């Protein structure tokens, strides 16, 4: 499988979409004060917020993937009436679960890094309000694309994700975390 194909594989849709949205929202909430204060973003801020987003996204997604996959193995053990618990985890299935969890977490982390980069880079090269507006439009576009994949309402999904971005930007502005 080619590297680019991983990002369009339906099995990794959650990792890609959640990683991008999480990254954008982390960028907005952490740096909203900096972006809207007039000082804007810098390369150092992009690196710091991107690293924080990438590492936390990797950890959260690895734990979530691995816990879910191990739960599936436990369920399979019960269905097979295996007397000893944890037996499947010591087989090739256990190794596959670990590998798939690492792959999913890596994809989510990379997408989170890209997502965090977007609002901060836009805030660095464009006037602050224009950069934030384009970021909200990116979130809305992501919602529309997501809605099309499962035949949901484009307006509802696009609007809801944009509203979430606006709300977290407002919260980030008042928390002024990086300020």
C-alpha atoms as a PDB file:
ATOM      1  CA  UNK A   1       0.000   0.000   0.000  1.00  0.00           C
ATOM      2  CA  UNK A   2       1.358   3.409  -0.953  1.00  0.00           C
ATOM      3  CA  UNK A   3       1.798   6.011   1.767  1.00  0.00           C
ATOM      4  CA  UNK A   4      -0.810   8.376   0.320  1.00  0.00           C
ATOM      5  CA  UNK A   5      -3.355   5.552   0.082  1.00  0.00           C
ATOM      6  CA  UNK A   6      -3.266   5.158   3.856  1.00  0.00           C
ATOM      7  CA  UNK A   7      -4.932   8.549   4.238  1.00  0.00           C
ATOM      8  CA  UNK A   8      -7.895   7.686   2.004  1.00  0.00           C
ATOM      9  CA  UNK A   9      -8.349   4.131   3.299  1.00  0.00           C
ATOM     10  CA  UNK A  10     -11.781   3.969   4.990  1.00  0.00           C
ATOM     11  CA  UNK A  11     -10.239   1.957   7.851  1.00  0.00           C
ATOM     12  CA  UNK A  12      -8.219   5.043   8.799  1.00  0.00           C
ATOM     13  CA  UNK A  13     -10.980   7.620   8.304  1.00  0.00           C
ATOM     14  CA  UNK A  14     -11.342   8.166  12.055  1.00  0.00           C
ATOM     15  CA  UNK A  15      -7.602   8.684  12.468  1.00  0.00           C
ATOM     16  CA  UNK A  16      -7.390  11.166   9.583  1.00  0.00           C
ATOM     17  CA  UNK A  17     -10.518  13.181  10.337  1.00  0.00           C
ATOM     18  CA  UNK A  18     -10.142  13.232  14.110  1.00  0.00           C
ATOM     19  CA  UNK A  19      -6.433  14.006  13.801  1.00  0.00           C
ATOM     20  CA  UNK A  20      -7.014  16.987  11.504  1.00  0.00           C
ATOM     21  CA  UNK A  21      -9.948  18.348  13.507  1.00  0.00           C
ATOM     22  CA  UNK A  22      -8.107  17.805  16.799  1.00  0.00           C
ATOM     23  CA  UNK A  23      -5.041  19.553  15.417  1.00  0.00           C
ATOM     24  CA  UNK A  24      -6.980  22.559  14.152  1.00  0.00           C
ATOM     25  CA  UNK A  25      -8.919  22.859  17.399  1.00  0.00           C
ATOM     26  CA  UNK A  26      -5.741  22.518  19.476  1.00  0.00           C
ATOM     27  CA  UNK A  27      -4.090  25.204  17.384  1.00  0.00           C
ATOM     28  CA  UNK A  28      -7.085  27.495  17.841  1.00  0.00           C
ATOM     29  CA  UNK A  29      -7.587  26.982  21.563  1.00  0.00           C
ATOM     30  CA  UNK A  30      -3.899  27.128  22.467  1.00  0.00           C
ATOM     31  CA  UNK A  31      -2.952  30.112  20.330  1.00  0.00           C
ATOM     32  CA  UNK A  32      -6.170  32.116  19.888  1.00  0.00           C
ATOM     33  CA  UNK A  33      -4.889  34.841  22.204  1.00  0.00           C
ATOM     34  CA  UNK A  34      -1.684  35.149  20.228  1.00  0.00           C
ATOM     35  CA  UNK A  35      -3.425  34.999  16.849  1.00  0.00           C
ATOM     36  CA  UNK A  36      -6.051  37.605  17.669  1.00  0.00           C
ATOM     37  CA  UNK A  37      -3.890  39.932  19.764  1.00  0.00           C
ATOM     38  CA  UNK A  38      -2.163  41.291  16.706  1.00  0.00           C
ATOM     39  CA  UNK A  39       1.212  39.685  17.421  1.00  0.00           C
ATOM     40  CA  UNK A  40       0.294  36.670  15.304  1.00  0.00           C
ATOM     41  CA  UNK A  41       2.070  33.360  15.156  1.00  0.00           C
ATOM     42  CA  UNK A  42       5.744  32.580  14.732  1.00  0.00           C
ATOM     43  CA  UNK A  43       7.606  29.502  13.559  1.00  0.00           C
ATOM     44  CA  UNK A  44       8.497  28.728  17.179  1.00  0.00           C
ATOM     45  CA  UNK A  45       4.832  28.857  18.192  1.00  0.00           C
ATOM     46  CA  UNK A  46       3.916  26.585  15.268  1.00  0.00           C
ATOM     47  CA  UNK A  47       6.591  24.090  16.330  1.00  0.00           C
ATOM     48  CA  UNK A  48       5.547  24.136  20.004  1.00  0.00           C
ATOM     49  CA  UNK A  49       1.805  23.803  19.392  1.00  0.00           C
ATOM     50  CA  UNK A  50       2.399  21.244  16.640  1.00  0.00           C
ATOM     51  CA  UNK A  51       4.621  19.131  18.887  1.00  0.00           C
ATOM     52  CA  UNK A  52       2.155  19.285  21.780  1.00  0.00           C
ATOM     53  CA  UNK A  53      -0.690  18.316  19.458  1.00  0.00           C
ATOM     54  CA  UNK A  54       1.246  15.542  17.733  1.00  0.00           C
ATOM     55  CA  UNK A  55       2.442  13.883  20.937  1.00  0.00           C
ATOM     56  CA  UNK A  56      -0.879  14.059  22.779  1.00  0.00           C
ATOM     57  CA  UNK A  57      -2.796  12.861  19.718  1.00  0.00           C
ATOM     58  CA  UNK A  58      -0.420   9.920  19.307  1.00  0.00           C
ATOM     59  CA  UNK A  59      -0.771   8.900  22.942  1.00  0.00           C
ATOM     60  CA  UNK A  60      -4.564   9.238  23.063  1.00  0.00           C
ATOM     61  CA  UNK A  61      -5.122   7.401  19.790  1.00  0.00           C
ATOM     62  CA  UNK A  62      -2.684   4.614  20.616  1.00  0.00           C
ATOM     63  CA  UNK A  63      -4.351   3.963  23.965  1.00  0.00           C
ATOM     64  CA  UNK A  64      -7.831   4.098  22.402  1.00  0.00           C
ATOM     65  CA  UNK A  65      -6.953   1.826  19.468  1.00  0.00           C
ATOM     66  CA  UNK A  66      -5.074  -0.661  21.590  1.00  0.00           C
ATOM     67  CA  UNK A  67      -7.764  -0.826  24.281  1.00  0.00           C
ATOM     68  CA  UNK A  68     -10.473  -1.371  21.658  1.00  0.00           C
ATOM     69  CA  UNK A  69      -8.503  -4.032  19.814  1.00  0.00           C
ATOM     70  CA  UNK A  70      -7.587  -5.883  23.013  1.00  0.00           C
ATOM     71  CA  UNK A  71     -11.260  -5.767  24.019  1.00  0.00           C
ATOM     72  CA  UNK A  72     -12.085  -7.388  20.676  1.00  0.00           C
ATOM     73  CA  UNK A  73      -9.558 -10.137  21.427  1.00  0.00           C
ATOM     74  CA  UNK A  74     -11.157 -10.752  24.836  1.00  0.00           C
ATOM     75  CA  UNK A  75     -14.572 -10.964  23.171  1.00  0.00           C
ATOM     76  CA  UNK A  76     -13.205 -13.480  20.662  1.00  0.00           C
ATOM     77  CA  UNK A  77     -11.731 -15.565  23.506  1.00  0.00           C
ATOM     78  CA  UNK A  78     -15.133 -15.709  25.154  1.00  0.00           C
ATOM     79  CA  UNK A  79     -16.834 -16.688  21.905  1.00  0.00           C
ATOM     80  CA  UNK A  80     -14.273 -19.445  21.375  1.00  0.00           C
ATOM     81  CA  UNK A  81     -14.723 -20.578  25.014  1.00  0.00           C
ATOM     82  CA  UNK A  82     -10.999 -20.376  25.687  1.00  0.00           C
ATOM     83  CA  UNK A  83     -10.361 -21.191  29.322  1.00  0.00           C
ATOM     84  CA  UNK A  84      -7.216 -19.120  29.698  1.00  0.00           C
ATOM     85  CA  UNK A  85      -7.625 -15.341  29.344  1.00  0.00           C
ATOM     86  CA  UNK A  86      -5.132 -13.318  27.363  1.00  0.00           C
ATOM     87  CA  UNK A  87      -4.127 -16.253  25.186  1.00  0.00           C
ATOM     88  CA  UNK A  88      -4.985 -14.540  21.886  1.00  0.00           C
ATOM     89  CA  UNK A  89      -2.912 -11.513  22.849  1.00  0.00           C
ATOM     90  CA  UNK A  90       0.202 -13.684  22.893  1.00  0.00           C
ATOM     91  CA  UNK A  91      -0.387 -14.905  19.340  1.00  0.00           C
ATOM     92  CA  UNK A  92       0.122 -13.213  15.992  1.00  0.00           C
ATOM     93  CA  UNK A  93      -3.214 -11.496  16.548  1.00  0.00           C
ATOM     94  CA  UNK A  94      -1.757  -9.722  19.569  1.00  0.00           C
ATOM     95  CA  UNK A  95       1.196  -8.520  17.511  1.00  0.00           C
ATOM     96  CA  UNK A  96      -1.148  -7.399  14.741  1.00  0.00           C
ATOM     97  CA  UNK A  97      -3.249  -5.460  17.267  1.00  0.00           C
ATOM     98  CA  UNK A  98      -0.142  -3.646  18.491  1.00  0.00           C
ATOM     99  CA  UNK A  99       1.022  -2.861  14.942  1.00  0.00           C
ATOM    100  CA  UNK A 100      -2.386  -1.585  13.820  1.00  0.00           C
ATOM    101  CA  UNK A 101      -2.670   0.545  16.950  1.00  0.00           C
ATOM    102  CA  UNK A 102       0.725   2.111  16.270  1.00  0.00           C
ATOM    103  CA  UNK A 103      -0.192   2.769  12.628  1.00  0.00           C
ATOM    104  CA  UNK A 104      -3.529   4.365  13.536  1.00  0.00           C
ATOM    105  CA  UNK A 105      -1.924   6.520  16.220  1.00  0.00           C
ATOM    106  CA  UNK A 106       0.842   7.621  13.850  1.00  0.00           C
ATOM    107  CA  UNK A 107      -1.675   8.609  11.165  1.00  0.00           C
ATOM    108  CA  UNK A 108      -3.776  10.541  13.690  1.00  0.00           C
ATOM    109  CA  UNK A 109      -0.678  12.233  15.107  1.00  0.00           C
ATOM    110  CA  UNK A 110       0.579  13.294  11.672  1.00  0.00           C
ATOM    111  CA  UNK A 111      -2.864  14.616  10.732  1.00  0.00           C
ATOM    112  CA  UNK A 112      -3.046  16.427  14.081  1.00  0.00           C
ATOM    113  CA  UNK A 113       0.289  18.060  13.354  1.00  0.00           C
ATOM    114  CA  UNK A 114      -0.963  19.181   9.934  1.00  0.00           C
ATOM    115  CA  UNK A 115      -4.201  20.393  11.479  1.00  0.00           C
ATOM    116  CA  UNK A 116      -2.382  22.469  14.109  1.00  0.00           C
ATOM    117  CA  UNK A 117      -0.117  23.906  11.430  1.00  0.00           C
ATOM    118  CA  UNK A 118      -3.032  25.277   9.381  1.00  0.00           C
ATOM    119  CA  UNK A 119      -4.470  27.995  11.665  1.00  0.00           C
ATOM    120  CA  UNK A 120      -1.068  29.020  12.991  1.00  0.00           C
ATOM    121  CA  UNK A 121       0.547  29.311   9.575  1.00  0.00           C
ATOM    122  CA  UNK A 122      -2.469  31.204   8.248  1.00  0.00           C
ATOM    123  CA  UNK A 123      -2.261  33.465  11.306  1.00  0.00           C
ATOM    124  CA  UNK A 124       1.381  34.108  10.549  1.00  0.00           C
ATOM    125  CA  UNK A 125       1.057  35.008   6.861  1.00  0.00           C
ATOM    126  CA  UNK A 126      -2.406  36.620   6.779  1.00  0.00           C
ATOM    127  CA  UNK A 127      -4.188  39.270   8.812  1.00  0.00           C
ATOM    128  CA  UNK A 128      -5.470  37.572  11.999  1.00  0.00           C
ATOM    129  CA  UNK A 129      -9.202  37.685  11.267  1.00  0.00           C
ATOM    130  CA  UNK A 130      -8.702  36.453   7.718  1.00  0.00           C
ATOM    131  CA  UNK A 131      -6.525  33.556   8.934  1.00  0.00           C
ATOM    132  CA  UNK A 132      -9.098  32.550  11.556  1.00  0.00           C
ATOM    133  CA  UNK A 133     -11.940  32.867   9.030  1.00  0.00           C
ATOM    134  CA  UNK A 134     -10.148  30.634   6.528  1.00  0.00           C
ATOM    135  CA  UNK A 135      -9.505  28.136   9.327  1.00  0.00           C
ATOM    136  CA  UNK A 136     -13.228  28.069  10.159  1.00  0.00           C
ATOM    137  CA  UNK A 137     -13.963  27.533   6.463  1.00  0.00           C
ATOM    138  CA  UNK A 138     -11.474  24.642   6.421  1.00  0.00           C
ATOM    139  CA  UNK A 139     -13.299  23.094   9.370  1.00  0.00           C
ATOM    140  CA  UNK A 140     -16.626  23.599   7.598  1.00  0.00           C
ATOM    141  CA  UNK A 141     -15.240  22.029   4.423  1.00  0.00           C
ATOM    142  CA  UNK A 142     -14.008  19.060   6.401  1.00  0.00           C
ATOM    143  CA  UNK A 143     -17.500  18.701   7.891  1.00  0.00           C
ATOM    144  CA  UNK A 144     -19.048  18.793   4.415  1.00  0.00           C
ATOM    145  CA  UNK A 145     -16.659  16.146   3.069  1.00  0.00           C
ATOM    146  CA  UNK A 146     -17.293  13.997   6.126  1.00  0.00           C
ATOM    147  CA  UNK A 147     -21.066  14.345   5.732  1.00  0.00           C
ATOM    148  CA  UNK A 148     -20.820  13.192   2.114  1.00  0.00           C
ATOM    149  CA  UNK A 149     -19.001  10.007   3.148  1.00  0.00           C
ATOM    150  CA  UNK A 150     -21.964   8.830   5.234  1.00  0.00           C
ATOM    151  CA  UNK A 151     -24.813  10.722   3.522  1.00  0.00           C
ATOM    152  CA  UNK A 152     -25.300  13.194   6.348  1.00  0.00           C
ATOM    153  CA  UNK A 153     -26.419  16.787   6.093  1.00  0.00           C
ATOM    154  CA  UNK A 154     -23.585  18.868   4.653  1.00  0.00           C
ATOM    155  CA  UNK A 155     -24.995  22.064   6.154  1.00  0.00           C
ATOM    156  CA  UNK A 156     -25.402  20.513   9.576  1.00  0.00           C
ATOM    157  CA  UNK A 157     -21.976  18.903   9.720  1.00  0.00           C
ATOM    158  CA  UNK A 158     -20.139  21.829   8.155  1.00  0.00           C
ATOM    159  CA  UNK A 159     -21.920  24.330  10.381  1.00  0.00           C
ATOM    160  CA  UNK A 160     -21.512  22.281  13.549  1.00  0.00           C
ATOM    161  CA  UNK A 161     -17.792  21.806  13.096  1.00  0.00           C
ATOM    162  CA  UNK A 162     -17.335  25.500  12.229  1.00  0.00           C
ATOM    163  CA  UNK A 163     -19.352  26.472  15.327  1.00  0.00           C
ATOM    164  CA  UNK A 164     -17.176  24.168  17.436  1.00  0.00           C
ATOM    165  CA  UNK A 165     -14.078  25.867  16.066  1.00  0.00           C
ATOM    166  CA  UNK A 166     -15.518  29.306  16.823  1.00  0.00           C
ATOM    167  CA  UNK A 167     -16.464  28.268  20.349  1.00  0.00           C
ATOM    168  CA  UNK A 168     -13.023  26.844  21.090  1.00  0.00           C
ATOM    169  CA  UNK A 169     -11.376  29.925  19.628  1.00  0.00           C
ATOM    170  CA  UNK A 170     -13.489  32.057  21.976  1.00  0.00           C
ATOM    171  CA  UNK A 171     -12.513  29.854  24.924  1.00  0.00           C
ATOM    172  CA  UNK A 172      -8.852  29.947  23.855  1.00  0.00           C
ATOM    173  CA  UNK A 173      -8.974  33.730  23.549  1.00  0.00           C
ATOM    174  CA  UNK A 174     -10.166  34.056  27.138  1.00  0.00           C
ATOM    175  CA  UNK A 175      -7.833  31.395  28.527  1.00  0.00           C
ATOM    176  CA  UNK A 176      -4.879  32.984  26.686  1.00  0.00           C
ATOM    177  CA  UNK A 177      -2.774  29.856  27.184  1.00  0.00           C
ATOM    178  CA  UNK A 178       0.197  30.788  25.024  1.00  0.00           C
ATOM    179  CA  UNK A 179      -0.254  34.573  25.405  1.00  0.00           C
END
